[in-house]
C-alpha atoms as a PDB file:
ATOM      1  CA  UNK A   1     -10.032 -13.526  -6.494  1.00  0.00           C
ATOM      2  CA  UNK A   2      -8.032 -11.681  -3.868  1.00  0.00           C
ATOM      3  CA  UNK A   3      -4.510 -12.652  -2.955  1.00  0.00           C
ATOM      4  CA  UNK A   4      -3.293 -10.304  -0.190  1.00  0.00           C
ATOM      5  CA  UNK A   5       0.196 -11.862  -0.070  1.00  0.00           C
ATOM      6  CA  UNK A   6       1.133 -12.450  -3.731  1.00  0.00           C
ATOM      7  CA  UNK A   7       4.692 -13.676  -3.283  1.00  0.00           C
ATOM      8  CA  UNK A   8       5.660 -15.085  -6.637  1.00  0.00           C
ATOM      9  CA  UNK A   9       2.226 -14.671  -8.194  1.00  0.00           C
ATOM     10  CA  UNK A  10       1.077 -18.258  -8.617  1.00  0.00           C
ATOM     11  CA  UNK A  11      -2.494 -17.570  -7.514  1.00  0.00           C
ATOM     12  CA  UNK A  12      -2.733 -14.451  -9.704  1.00  0.00           C
ATOM     13  CA  UNK A  13      -1.350 -16.340 -12.765  1.00  0.00           C
ATOM     14  CA  UNK A  14      -3.840 -19.190 -12.267  1.00  0.00           C
ATOM     15  CA  UNK A  15      -6.725 -16.740 -11.858  1.00  0.00           C
ATOM     16  CA  UNK A  16      -5.635 -15.005 -15.091  1.00  0.00           C
ATOM     17  CA  UNK A  17      -5.416 -18.330 -16.930  1.00  0.00           C
ATOM     18  CA  UNK A  18      -8.985 -19.147 -15.746  1.00  0.00           C
ATOM     19  CA  UNK A  19     -10.199 -15.710 -16.986  1.00  0.00           C
ATOM     20  CA  UNK A  20     -11.144 -14.674 -13.480  1.00  0.00           C
ATOM     21  CA  UNK A  21     -10.887 -11.156 -12.134  1.00  0.00           C
ATOM     22  CA  UNK A  22      -8.113 -10.800  -9.580  1.00  0.00           C
ATOM     23  CA  UNK A  23      -6.427  -8.462  -7.163  1.00  0.00           C
ATOM     24  CA  UNK A  24      -2.930  -9.193  -5.863  1.00  0.00           C
ATOM     25  CA  UNK A  25      -1.372  -7.300  -3.022  1.00  0.00           C
ATOM     26  CA  UNK A  26       2.233  -7.234  -1.881  1.00  0.00           C
ATOM     27  CA  UNK A  27       4.436  -4.622  -0.265  1.00  0.00           C
ATOM     28  CA  UNK A  28       7.858  -5.584  -1.556  1.00  0.00           C
ATOM     29  CA  UNK A  29       9.225  -4.542  -4.913  1.00  0.00           C
ATOM     30  CA  UNK A  30      10.942  -7.897  -5.253  1.00  0.00           C
ATOM     31  CA  UNK A  31       7.521  -9.631  -5.252  1.00  0.00           C
ATOM     32  CA  UNK A  32       5.890  -6.987  -7.464  1.00  0.00           C
ATOM     33  CA  UNK A  33       8.715  -7.239 -10.034  1.00  0.00           C
ATOM     34  CA  UNK A  34       8.541 -11.058  -9.975  1.00  0.00           C
ATOM     35  CA  UNK A  35       4.797 -11.048 -10.507  1.00  0.00           C
ATOM     36  CA  UNK A  36       4.977  -8.559 -13.363  1.00  0.00           C
ATOM     37  CA  UNK A  37       7.712 -10.605 -15.100  1.00  0.00           C
ATOM     38  CA  UNK A  38       5.685 -13.766 -14.639  1.00  0.00           C
ATOM     39  CA  UNK A  39       2.543 -12.192 -16.100  1.00  0.00           C
ATOM     40  CA  UNK A  40       4.457 -10.803 -19.134  1.00  0.00           C
ATOM     41  CA  UNK A  41       6.276 -14.098 -19.762  1.00  0.00           C
ATOM     42  CA  UNK A  42       3.126 -16.196 -19.424  1.00  0.00           C
ATOM     43  CA  UNK A  43       0.478 -14.005 -21.039  1.00  0.00           C
ATOM     44  CA  UNK A  44       2.392 -11.415 -23.032  1.00  0.00           C
ATOM     45  CA  UNK A  45       0.446  -8.317 -23.978  1.00  0.00           C
ATOM     46  CA  UNK A  46      -2.905 -10.052 -23.472  1.00  0.00           C
ATOM     47  CA  UNK A  47      -2.909  -9.406 -19.738  1.00  0.00           C
ATOM     48  CA  UNK A  48      -3.910  -5.946 -18.521  1.00  0.00           C
ATOM     49  CA  UNK A  49      -3.212  -4.835 -14.943  1.00  0.00           C
ATOM     50  CA  UNK A  50      -2.360  -1.746 -12.919  1.00  0.00           C
ATOM     51  CA  UNK A  51       0.361  -1.501 -10.276  1.00  0.00           C
ATOM     52  CA  UNK A  52      -0.620   1.073  -7.655  1.00  0.00           C
ATOM     53  CA  UNK A  53       1.824   2.651  -5.259  1.00  0.00           C
ATOM     54  CA  UNK A  54       4.877   2.625  -7.488  1.00  0.00           C
ATOM     55  CA  UNK A  55       6.955   5.790  -7.663  1.00  0.00           C
ATOM     56  CA  UNK A  56       5.914   7.950 -10.578  1.00  0.00           C
ATOM     57  CA  UNK A  57       8.108  11.000 -10.037  1.00  0.00           C
ATOM     58  CA  UNK A  58      11.200  12.167  -8.122  1.00  0.00           C
ATOM     59  CA  UNK A  59       9.219  13.036  -4.955  1.00  0.00           C
ATOM     60  CA  UNK A  60       7.593   9.604  -4.740  1.00  0.00           C
ATOM     61  CA  UNK A  61      10.916   7.869  -5.527  1.00  0.00           C
ATOM     62  CA  UNK A  62      12.555   9.931  -2.743  1.00  0.00           C
ATOM     63  CA  UNK A  63       9.710   8.982  -0.401  1.00  0.00           C
ATOM     64  CA  UNK A  64      10.310   5.259  -1.097  1.00  0.00           C
ATOM     65  CA  UNK A  65      14.072   5.732  -0.556  1.00  0.00           C
ATOM     66  CA  UNK A  66      13.406   7.440   2.791  1.00  0.00           C
ATOM     67  CA  UNK A  67      11.050   4.594   3.893  1.00  0.00           C
ATOM     68  CA  UNK A  68      13.354   1.750   2.836  1.00  0.00           C
ATOM     69  CA  UNK A  69      16.729   1.962   1.064  1.00  0.00           C
ATOM     70  CA  UNK A  70      16.512  -1.737   0.200  1.00  0.00           C
ATOM     71  CA  UNK A  71      13.066  -1.449  -1.404  1.00  0.00           C
ATOM     72  CA  UNK A  72      14.224   1.620  -3.356  1.00  0.00           C
ATOM     73  CA  UNK A  73      17.217  -0.407  -4.590  1.00  0.00           C
ATOM     74  CA  UNK A  74      15.000  -3.267  -5.744  1.00  0.00           C
ATOM     75  CA  UNK A  75      12.562  -0.859  -7.432  1.00  0.00           C
ATOM     76  CA  UNK A  76      15.345   1.007  -9.244  1.00  0.00           C
ATOM     77  CA  UNK A  77      16.957  -2.192 -10.419  1.00  0.00           C
ATOM     78  CA  UNK A  78      13.633  -3.505 -11.717  1.00  0.00           C
ATOM     79  CA  UNK A  79      13.328  -0.416 -13.967  1.00  0.00           C
ATOM     80  CA  UNK A  80      16.368  -1.528 -15.943  1.00  0.00           C
ATOM     81  CA  UNK A  81      15.562  -5.251 -15.939  1.00  0.00           C
ATOM     82  CA  UNK A  82      18.051  -6.221 -13.242  1.00  0.00           C
ATOM     83  CA  UNK A  83      17.539  -8.324 -10.183  1.00  0.00           C
ATOM     84  CA  UNK A  84      19.025  -8.406  -6.665  1.00  0.00           C
ATOM     85  CA  UNK A  85      19.323 -12.161  -6.818  1.00  0.00           C
ATOM     86  CA  UNK A  86      22.596 -13.266  -5.276  1.00  0.00           C
ATOM     87  CA  UNK A  87      24.683 -15.859  -7.060  1.00  0.00           C
END
């Protein structure tokens, strides 16, 4: 199953529940963080997945910051379990 616009990860979560192979694609860290949280909360350690494109060192984090300050902020906050949700 391919979901090229994951959003909140509903299709990915259903595919996982049905034991189907899946690929989810999104470009925002807000969506990626939400999907990862959903998968962990729903399936715990049983689900195995790889996130590609996330910063893995200072150079790639700097590259993300140069491309989008907002996406860098969301990514950095997701590392410490925070959210940019406004109250």
